Amino acid sequence: MVAELANFARAEGGYRSLYLHTYAASPGAEALWRSVGKLVLDERTETGGDKETLHFEVPMV
């Protein structure tokens, strides 16, 4: 799934990275996205955040 998304973005051109978010409570989601990208914001640690959303960046290599 991630590879297909990256292929689509490459074909469209102009992208340097993929940015996505997921919910920390989704089974397996955090581990999956940590394995392919870099965590850039964990709203569980933010004051006023929704306390569930994790934001990831996947570089376009």
Protein backbone atom coordinates (compact mmCIF):
# COMPACT_ATOMS: atom_id res chain seq x y z
CA MET A 1 0.00 0.00 0.00
CA VAL A 2 2.76 2.44 0.95
CA ALA A 3 4.78 1.52 -2.14
CA GLU A 4 1.78 2.14 -4.40
CA LEU A 5 1.17 5.52 -2.82
CA ALA A 6 4.84 6.43 -3.27
CA ASN A 7 4.72 5.29 -6.92
CA PHE A 8 1.65 7.46 -7.53
CA ALA A 9 3.33 10.50 -5.93
CA ARG A 10 6.50 9.95 -7.99
CA ALA A 11 4.44 9.72 -11.20
CA GLU A 12 2.67 12.98 -10.35
CA GLY A 13 6.02 14.66 -9.66
CA GLY A 14 7.07 17.43 -7.33
CA TYR A 15 6.73 15.54 -4.05
CA ARG A 16 9.60 15.23 -1.56
CA SER A 17 7.76 13.17 1.04
CA LEU A 18 4.46 11.58 1.96
CA TYR A 19 2.70 12.93 5.04
CA LEU A 20 0.03 10.97 6.83
CA HIS A 21 -1.69 10.62 10.12
CA THR A 22 -3.20 7.72 11.99
CA TYR A 23 -4.90 7.09 15.29
CA ALA A 24 -2.73 5.65 18.04
CA ALA A 25 -5.57 3.35 19.12
CA SER A 26 -5.78 1.62 15.72
CA PRO A 27 -4.34 -1.88 16.20
CA GLY A 28 -0.93 -2.15 14.53
CA ALA A 29 -1.07 1.30 12.92
CA GLU A 30 1.64 2.97 14.97
CA ALA A 31 4.11 0.10 14.48
CA LEU A 32 3.41 -0.03 10.74
CA TRP A 33 3.99 3.66 10.14
CA ARG A 34 7.04 3.77 12.41
CA SER A 35 8.54 1.02 10.24
CA VAL A 36 8.27 3.12 7.05
CA GLY A 37 8.40 6.72 8.21
CA LYS A 38 9.43 9.24 10.82
CA LEU A 39 7.09 10.39 13.57
CA VAL A 40 6.88 14.18 13.35
CA LEU A 41 4.07 14.86 15.84
CA ASP A 42 2.55 12.74 18.58
CA GLU A 43 -0.59 14.52 19.75
CA ARG A 44 -0.65 12.36 22.86
CA THR A 45 2.14 14.63 24.14
CA GLU A 46 0.66 17.95 23.03
CA THR A 47 -1.34 20.28 25.21
CA GLY A 48 -4.71 20.82 23.56
CA GLY A 49 -4.17 18.07 21.00
CA ASP A 50 -6.76 15.41 20.36
CA LYS A 51 -4.56 12.89 22.21
CA GLU A 52 -5.06 10.21 19.55
CA THR A 53 -3.44 11.34 16.32
CA LEU A 54 0.08 10.48 15.20
CA HIS A 55 1.62 12.33 12.25
CA PHE A 56 4.28 10.68 10.07
CA GLU A 57 6.51 11.71 7.18
CA VAL A 58 7.74 9.12 4.67
CA PRO A 59 10.63 10.41 2.57
CA MET A 60 10.48 9.94 -1.18
CA VAL A 61 13.72 8.14 -1.94
